[in-house]
């Protein structure tokens, strides 16, 4: 909104042309989301404690986390709020990608909110049970389908629905209508993998920030005709505005980390994990870099694979591969301190994001 206001005044104040630059508005988006989060989170945490909206743990579930009981949860609502305000203020709202991204963020955020709320209202045997797996998955499929259809129906060129193979600049796969189910798969898988990773103080949020930052660079380059030609990546008009969306996630995520670092004062809950996982997936789809998301978000992939392999092994052979899944719980039972696990997995995520960015020039 402010972007449109300031640009409408450039004839009188030429210095306002600075708001035409995505990089400048990206910095403002980071600072806006960060500032909002830092200001609002303390108030939100007090209110969450006041209304007893906190985590419930069981010793037979994750024994090491018994001391986390009562920690305020659903902090993801504040992240989403900060991101949306920053995007609405500094993004070009005439760009379809911005609205598609917000649709996915809010849609999956709503699913996570309902799931968290049901958990809070349904205490059974000392734990909180949310939506059933089938209901939750169905809701995710519906929102993911809406996002995929929005991409498919609004595409202005074939490259917007083709799958790009990293490193090889001249290889892309056109799946036609199959773009829709494949996009749904990317969104649902990423959101749930991110949710699985959110199990230790600060563990999920910094990788989300790193991946969002990396995809923000891809977005800016993809929407810039000169840079996209130089880097041999597809040019998609309007994609650069997603850099504002990514910058807002970086700011909101850093604000949350201030209060989520060990020992956590607040958890994001499903409302945050599902929404933010969906957000980075949507950006990857928009800039045609789903395979790069697989690399940059490798930590989320590892966490999800640890759960999948655990289930398959137990179902087929009656034995567990891991002491406990996801991976971070296995490391806890190996007697690794929580902060050591978190920082080392952060480093893994940082390296993977760098590896993803390296493909921009290796073509």
Protein backbone atom coordinates (compact mmCIF):
# COMPACT_ATOMS: atom_id res chain seq x y z
CA UNK A 1 0.00 0.00 0.00
CA UNK A 2 2.75 2.45 0.91
CA UNK A 3 4.62 1.47 -2.24
CA UNK A 4 1.68 2.51 -4.42
CA UNK A 5 1.20 5.69 -2.41
CA UNK A 6 4.82 6.77 -2.69
CA UNK A 7 5.09 5.90 -6.39
CA UNK A 8 2.00 7.97 -7.12
CA UNK A 9 3.87 10.99 -5.72
CA UNK A 10 7.07 10.62 -7.76
CA UNK A 11 6.10 13.42 -10.15
CA UNK A 12 6.31 15.84 -7.22
CA UNK A 13 9.08 14.17 -5.23
CA UNK A 14 11.54 12.44 -7.53
CA UNK A 15 13.47 10.87 -4.66
CA UNK A 16 10.47 8.59 -4.05
CA UNK A 17 11.52 6.66 -7.17
CA UNK A 18 13.71 4.67 -4.80
CA UNK A 19 10.57 2.67 -4.01
CA UNK A 20 10.66 1.24 -7.52
CA UNK A 21 13.64 -0.87 -6.48
CA UNK A 22 12.82 -4.33 -5.14
CA UNK A 23 16.07 -4.42 -3.16
CA UNK A 24 15.18 -1.24 -1.25
CA UNK A 25 11.66 -2.42 -0.51
CA UNK A 26 13.05 -5.82 0.50
CA UNK A 27 15.14 -4.20 3.21
CA UNK A 28 12.08 -2.29 4.41
CA UNK A 29 10.07 -5.54 4.45
CA UNK A 30 12.68 -7.27 6.63
CA UNK A 31 12.78 -4.34 9.06
CA UNK A 32 8.99 -3.99 9.15
CA UNK A 33 8.31 -7.67 9.89
CA UNK A 34 11.20 -7.82 12.36
CA UNK A 35 10.08 -4.67 14.16
CA UNK A 36 6.44 -5.75 14.34
CA UNK A 37 7.40 -9.16 15.67
CA UNK A 38 9.77 -7.85 18.33
CA UNK A 39 7.13 -5.40 19.54
CA UNK A 40 4.11 -7.74 19.44
CA UNK A 41 5.62 -11.02 20.67
CA UNK A 42 6.13 -9.99 24.35
CA UNK A 43 2.49 -8.89 24.56
CA UNK A 44 1.33 -12.06 22.77
CA UNK A 45 3.36 -14.29 25.08
CA UNK A 46 1.81 -12.66 28.14
CA UNK A 47 -1.69 -13.18 26.74
CA UNK A 48 -0.97 -16.79 25.79
CA UNK A 49 0.18 -17.47 29.36
CA UNK A 50 -2.84 -15.65 30.75
CA UNK A 51 -5.23 -17.89 28.82
CA UNK A 52 -3.15 -21.05 29.38
CA UNK A 53 -2.49 -21.56 25.68
CA UNK A 54 0.58 -23.67 26.21
CA UNK A 55 2.29 -26.90 25.20
CA UNK A 56 1.32 -30.14 26.95
CA UNK A 57 3.97 -32.87 27.15
CA UNK A 58 4.08 -36.47 28.34
CA UNK A 59 7.14 -38.22 29.74
CA UNK A 60 6.44 -41.31 27.64
CA UNK A 61 6.27 -39.19 24.50
CA UNK A 62 9.52 -37.22 24.46
CA UNK A 63 11.05 -37.65 27.95
CA UNK A 64 13.59 -34.85 27.46
CA UNK A 65 10.83 -32.31 26.89
CA UNK A 66 8.88 -32.67 30.12
CA UNK A 67 10.16 -29.27 31.26
CA UNK A 68 8.66 -27.59 28.18
CA UNK A 69 5.09 -28.13 29.36
CA UNK A 70 3.14 -24.90 29.63
CA UNK A 71 5.33 -22.97 27.19
CA UNK A 72 3.05 -20.68 25.14
CA UNK A 73 2.33 -21.98 21.65
CA UNK A 74 0.64 -20.75 18.44
CA UNK A 75 3.24 -18.00 18.09
CA UNK A 76 3.05 -18.61 14.37
CA UNK A 77 0.02 -16.32 14.31
CA UNK A 78 2.30 -13.37 15.05
CA UNK A 79 4.77 -14.42 12.36
CA UNK A 80 1.97 -14.60 9.79
CA UNK A 81 0.64 -11.23 10.95
CA UNK A 82 4.07 -9.62 10.61
CA UNK A 83 4.68 -11.14 7.19
CA UNK A 84 1.29 -10.09 5.83
CA UNK A 85 1.61 -6.49 7.05
CA UNK A 86 5.11 -6.16 5.59
CA UNK A 87 4.01 -7.62 2.25
CA UNK A 88 0.92 -5.44 2.02
CA UNK A 89 2.97 -2.33 2.78
CA UNK A 90 5.95 -2.88 0.50
CA UNK A 91 5.04 -5.31 -2.31
CA UNK A 92 3.48 -4.40 -5.64
CA UNK A 93 -0.07 -5.54 -5.01
CA UNK A 94 -0.81 -5.64 -8.73
CA UNK A 95 1.39 -8.73 -9.00
CA UNK A 96 -0.51 -12.03 -9.04
CA UNK A 97 2.33 -13.95 -7.37
CA UNK A 98 1.99 -11.85 -4.23
CA UNK A 99 -1.67 -12.78 -3.83
CA UNK A 100 -1.08 -16.46 -4.60
CA UNK A 101 1.65 -16.54 -1.95
CA UNK A 102 -0.60 -14.87 0.61
CA UNK A 103 -3.41 -17.31 -0.27
CA UNK A 104 -1.20 -20.28 0.52
CA UNK A 105 0.29 -18.72 3.65
CA UNK A 106 -3.10 -17.84 5.13
CA UNK A 107 -4.80 -21.05 3.95
CA UNK A 108 -2.30 -23.39 5.56
CA UNK A 109 -2.00 -21.05 8.52
CA UNK A 110 -5.74 -21.48 9.08
CA UNK A 111 -5.41 -25.27 8.91
CA UNK A 112 -2.61 -25.16 11.48
CA UNK A 113 -4.62 -22.78 13.67
CA UNK A 114 -7.63 -25.12 13.70
CA UNK A 115 -5.37 -28.09 14.47
CA UNK A 116 -3.67 -26.24 17.34
CA UNK A 117 -7.01 -25.03 18.69
CA UNK A 118 -8.49 -28.54 18.65
CA UNK A 119 -5.43 -29.77 20.55
CA UNK A 120 -5.91 -27.09 23.16
CA UNK A 121 -9.56 -28.01 23.62
CA UNK A 122 -9.16 -31.80 23.53
CA UNK A 123 -6.93 -32.95 26.32
CA UNK A 124 -6.77 -36.75 26.36
CA UNK A 125 -4.53 -38.70 28.75
CA UNK A 126 -2.23 -35.75 29.34
CA UNK A 127 -1.67 -34.88 25.72
CA UNK A 128 -3.51 -32.82 23.13
CA UNK A 129 -4.88 -34.41 20.00
CA UNK A 130 -5.57 -32.26 16.99
CA UNK A 131 -7.40 -32.93 13.76
CA UNK A 132 -7.35 -36.48 12.46
CA UNK A 133 -4.69 -37.20 9.86
CA UNK A 134 -7.32 -37.69 7.13
CA UNK A 135 -9.16 -34.46 7.84
CA UNK A 136 -5.95 -32.48 8.10
CA UNK A 137 -4.58 -33.94 4.87
CA UNK A 138 -7.85 -33.31 3.04
CA UNK A 139 -7.82 -29.66 4.10
CA UNK A 140 -4.23 -29.33 2.94
CA UNK A 141 -5.04 -30.89 -0.42
CA UNK A 142 -7.93 -28.46 -0.95
CA UNK A 143 -5.80 -25.37 -0.26
CA UNK A 144 -2.85 -26.75 -2.25
CA UNK A 145 -5.20 -27.43 -5.17
CA UNK A 146 -6.45 -23.84 -5.05
CA UNK A 147 -2.87 -22.54 -5.13
CA UNK A 148 -1.85 -24.90 -7.95
CA UNK A 149 -4.90 -23.92 -10.01
CA UNK A 150 -4.14 -20.25 -9.45
CA UNK A 151 -0.63 -20.77 -10.81
CA UNK A 152 -1.82 -22.85 -13.76
CA UNK A 153 -4.72 -20.61 -14.79
CA UNK A 154 -2.73 -17.37 -14.50
CA UNK A 155 0.38 -18.61 -16.35
CA UNK A 156 1.30 -16.32 -19.24
CA UNK A 157 3.99 -18.50 -20.82
CA UNK A 158 4.78 -22.26 -21.04
CA UNK A 159 7.92 -21.85 -18.93
CA UNK A 160 5.76 -21.00 -15.90
CA UNK A 161 4.45 -24.58 -15.76
CA UNK A 162 7.60 -26.38 -16.95
CA UNK A 163 10.02 -28.12 -14.59
CA UNK A 164 13.52 -26.70 -14.70
CA UNK A 165 16.50 -29.01 -14.22
CA UNK A 166 19.23 -27.24 -12.21
CA UNK A 167 22.71 -26.87 -13.76
CA UNK A 168 21.40 -27.75 -17.26
CA UNK A 169 20.24 -24.42 -18.72
CA UNK A 170 18.51 -25.89 -21.78
CA UNK A 171 16.64 -28.78 -20.13
CA UNK A 172 13.08 -28.38 -18.89
CA UNK A 173 10.14 -30.76 -18.68
CA UNK A 174 6.64 -29.68 -19.68
CA UNK A 175 4.12 -31.78 -17.75
CA UNK A 176 1.08 -29.83 -18.93
CA UNK A 177 -1.94 -30.43 -16.70
CA UNK A 178 0.20 -32.64 -14.47
CA UNK A 179 1.72 -29.41 -13.19
CA UNK A 180 -1.27 -29.16 -10.84
CA UNK A 181 -0.92 -32.44 -8.89
CA UNK A 182 2.88 -32.10 -8.83
CA UNK A 183 2.61 -28.61 -7.39
CA UNK A 184 0.13 -29.87 -4.80
CA UNK A 185 2.61 -32.59 -3.83
CA UNK A 186 5.44 -30.07 -3.41
CA UNK A 187 3.30 -27.81 -1.22
CA UNK A 188 1.82 -30.51 1.01
CA UNK A 189 5.13 -32.36 1.38
CA UNK A 190 7.11 -29.23 2.23
CA UNK A 191 4.58 -27.95 4.75
CA UNK A 192 4.48 -31.27 6.60
CA UNK A 193 8.25 -31.77 6.47
CA UNK A 194 8.69 -28.32 8.00
CA UNK A 195 6.16 -29.19 10.68
CA UNK A 196 8.09 -32.37 11.54
CA UNK A 197 11.30 -30.36 11.92
CA UNK A 198 9.71 -28.01 14.44
CA UNK A 199 10.60 -30.06 17.51
CA UNK A 200 13.42 -28.22 19.31
CA UNK A 201 13.91 -24.62 20.39
CA UNK A 202 14.84 -22.63 17.30
CA UNK A 203 15.44 -25.70 15.16
CA UNK A 204 12.95 -25.03 12.36
CA UNK A 205 12.79 -21.25 12.21
CA UNK A 206 16.37 -20.43 11.23
CA UNK A 207 16.42 -22.94 8.33
CA UNK A 208 13.12 -21.41 7.18
CA UNK A 209 14.76 -17.97 7.29
CA UNK A 210 17.80 -19.24 5.38
CA UNK A 211 15.73 -20.97 2.70
CA UNK A 212 13.45 -17.95 2.35
CA UNK A 213 16.49 -15.73 1.93
CA UNK A 214 17.95 -18.04 -0.71
CA UNK A 215 14.69 -18.24 -2.62
CA UNK A 216 14.38 -14.47 -2.36
CA UNK A 217 17.60 -14.20 -4.39
CA UNK A 218 16.18 -16.63 -6.96
CA UNK A 219 12.97 -14.59 -7.09
CA UNK A 220 14.78 -11.33 -7.68
CA UNK A 221 16.96 -12.82 -10.44
CA UNK A 222 14.03 -14.63 -12.09
CA UNK A 223 11.97 -11.45 -12.30
CA UNK A 224 14.87 -9.33 -13.60
CA UNK A 225 15.31 -9.61 -17.37
CA UNK A 226 19.02 -8.77 -17.32
CA UNK A 227 20.00 -11.03 -14.42
CA UNK A 228 17.87 -13.93 -15.61
CA UNK A 229 19.49 -13.79 -19.05
CA UNK A 230 22.98 -13.57 -17.56
CA UNK A 231 22.36 -16.49 -15.18
CA UNK A 232 20.54 -18.55 -17.83
CA UNK A 233 17.40 -18.98 -15.76
CA UNK A 234 13.86 -18.40 -17.06
CA UNK A 235 12.57 -14.83 -16.95
CA UNK A 236 9.14 -14.66 -15.29
CA UNK A 237 7.60 -11.23 -15.15
CA UNK A 238 6.53 -10.21 -11.66
CA UNK A 239 8.48 -12.94 -9.87
CA UNK A 240 10.84 -10.37 -8.37
CA UNK A 241 8.02 -9.16 -6.09
CA UNK A 242 8.25 -12.50 -4.29
CA UNK A 243 11.59 -11.25 -2.97
CA UNK A 244 9.50 -8.89 -0.81
CA UNK A 245 7.48 -11.88 0.41
CA UNK A 246 10.68 -13.78 1.21
CA UNK A 247 12.19 -10.76 2.94
CA UNK A 248 9.09 -10.49 5.11
CA UNK A 249 9.49 -14.14 6.13
CA UNK A 250 13.12 -13.46 7.02
CA UNK A 251 12.13 -10.52 9.22
CA UNK A 252 9.21 -12.28 10.88
CA UNK A 253 11.27 -15.43 11.39
CA UNK A 254 14.14 -13.54 13.02
CA UNK A 255 11.71 -11.79 15.34
CA UNK A 256 10.30 -15.17 16.36
CA UNK A 257 13.81 -16.57 16.90
CA UNK A 258 14.46 -13.85 19.49
CA UNK A 259 11.82 -15.52 21.67
CA UNK A 260 12.14 -19.11 20.41
CA UNK A 261 15.87 -19.60 21.00
CA UNK A 262 16.76 -21.94 23.87
CA UNK A 263 15.09 -21.87 26.33
CA UNK A 264 12.05 -21.03 24.23
CA UNK A 265 9.54 -18.51 25.51
CA UNK A 266 7.05 -19.43 22.77
CA UNK A 267 6.52 -22.12 20.14
CA UNK A 268 5.17 -21.44 16.64
CA UNK A 269 2.74 -24.39 16.67
CA UNK A 270 1.27 -25.99 13.56
CA UNK A 271 -0.14 -22.61 12.56
CA UNK A 272 3.38 -21.33 11.99
CA UNK A 273 5.15 -24.46 10.74
CA UNK A 274 2.53 -25.38 8.14
CA UNK A 275 2.15 -21.81 6.90
CA UNK A 276 5.86 -21.08 6.56
CA UNK A 277 6.60 -24.45 4.96
CA UNK A 278 3.89 -23.71 2.43
CA UNK A 279 5.25 -20.21 1.85
CA UNK A 280 8.72 -21.36 0.79
CA UNK A 281 7.18 -24.10 -1.38
CA UNK A 282 5.00 -21.56 -3.20
CA UNK A 283 7.98 -19.32 -3.91
CA UNK A 284 9.94 -22.29 -5.28
CA UNK A 285 7.02 -23.19 -7.54
CA UNK A 286 6.61 -19.60 -8.74
CA UNK A 287 10.27 -19.29 -9.79
CA UNK A 288 10.33 -22.88 -11.16
CA UNK A 289 12.94 -24.13 -8.71
CA UNK A 290 11.25 -27.06 -6.97
CA UNK A 291 14.40 -29.16 -7.22
CA UNK A 292 16.44 -26.35 -5.70
CA UNK A 293 13.97 -26.29 -2.81
CA UNK A 294 14.75 -30.00 -2.33
CA UNK A 295 18.43 -29.03 -1.93
CA UNK A 296 18.04 -25.85 0.13
CA UNK A 297 15.41 -27.46 2.33
CA UNK A 298 17.48 -30.62 2.70
CA UNK A 299 17.16 -30.51 6.49
CA UNK A 300 13.37 -30.75 6.19
CA UNK A 301 13.83 -33.64 3.74
CA UNK A 302 16.12 -35.50 6.19
CA UNK A 303 13.64 -35.04 9.04
CA UNK A 304 10.76 -36.30 6.92
CA UNK A 305 12.76 -39.26 5.60
CA UNK A 306 13.67 -40.29 9.15
CA UNK A 307 9.96 -40.56 9.95
CA UNK A 308 9.13 -42.37 6.70
CA UNK A 309 11.93 -44.92 7.07
CA UNK A 310 11.03 -45.49 10.72
CA UNK A 311 7.42 -46.26 9.84
CA UNK A 312 8.32 -48.50 6.88
CA UNK A 313 10.92 -50.43 8.87
CA UNK A 314 8.56 -51.01 11.79
CA UNK A 315 5.64 -52.03 9.56
CA UNK A 316 7.68 -54.43 7.42
CA UNK A 317 10.28 -55.78 9.83
CA UNK A 318 8.96 -54.97 13.29
CA UNK A 319 12.06 -53.02 14.21
CA UNK A 320 13.03 -49.36 14.37
CA UNK A 321 15.93 -47.79 12.50
CA UNK A 322 16.07 -44.76 14.77
CA UNK A 323 15.84 -44.55 18.55
CA UNK A 324 13.03 -42.08 17.91
CA UNK A 325 11.92 -40.11 14.91
CA UNK A 326 12.17 -37.42 13.62
CA UNK A 327 15.96 -37.24 13.43
CA UNK A 328 16.41 -34.59 16.12
CA UNK A 329 14.74 -36.84 18.72
CA UNK A 330 17.10 -39.68 17.75
CA UNK A 331 20.04 -37.35 18.42
CA UNK A 332 18.53 -36.35 21.76
CA UNK A 333 18.34 -39.99 22.82
CA UNK A 334 21.99 -40.30 21.79
CA UNK A 335 22.57 -37.83 24.63
CA UNK A 336 23.33 -34.82 22.45
CA UNK A 337 22.43 -31.55 24.21
CA UNK A 338 19.53 -29.70 22.59
CA UNK A 339 21.59 -26.64 21.71
CA UNK A 340 24.28 -28.79 20.06
CA UNK A 341 21.69 -30.53 17.88
CA UNK A 342 20.09 -27.24 16.91
CA UNK A 343 23.29 -25.40 16.01
CA UNK A 344 24.76 -28.32 14.06
CA UNK A 345 21.56 -28.76 12.05
CA UNK A 346 21.53 -25.01 11.43
CA UNK A 347 25.00 -25.36 9.95
CA UNK A 348 23.80 -28.22 7.74
CA UNK A 349 20.93 -26.04 6.53
CA UNK A 350 23.27 -23.11 5.87
CA UNK A 351 25.56 -25.27 3.74
CA UNK A 352 22.61 -26.68 1.78
CA UNK A 353 21.27 -23.20 1.04
CA UNK A 354 24.71 -22.17 -0.23
CA UNK A 355 24.77 -25.29 -2.42
CA UNK A 356 21.40 -24.31 -3.87
CA UNK A 357 22.58 -20.77 -4.59
CA UNK A 358 25.71 -22.11 -6.28
CA UNK A 359 23.56 -23.63 -9.02
CA UNK A 360 22.69 -20.10 -10.17
CA UNK A 361 26.10 -19.85 -11.82
CA UNK A 362 26.82 -23.51 -12.55
CA UNK A 363 24.87 -23.90 -15.78
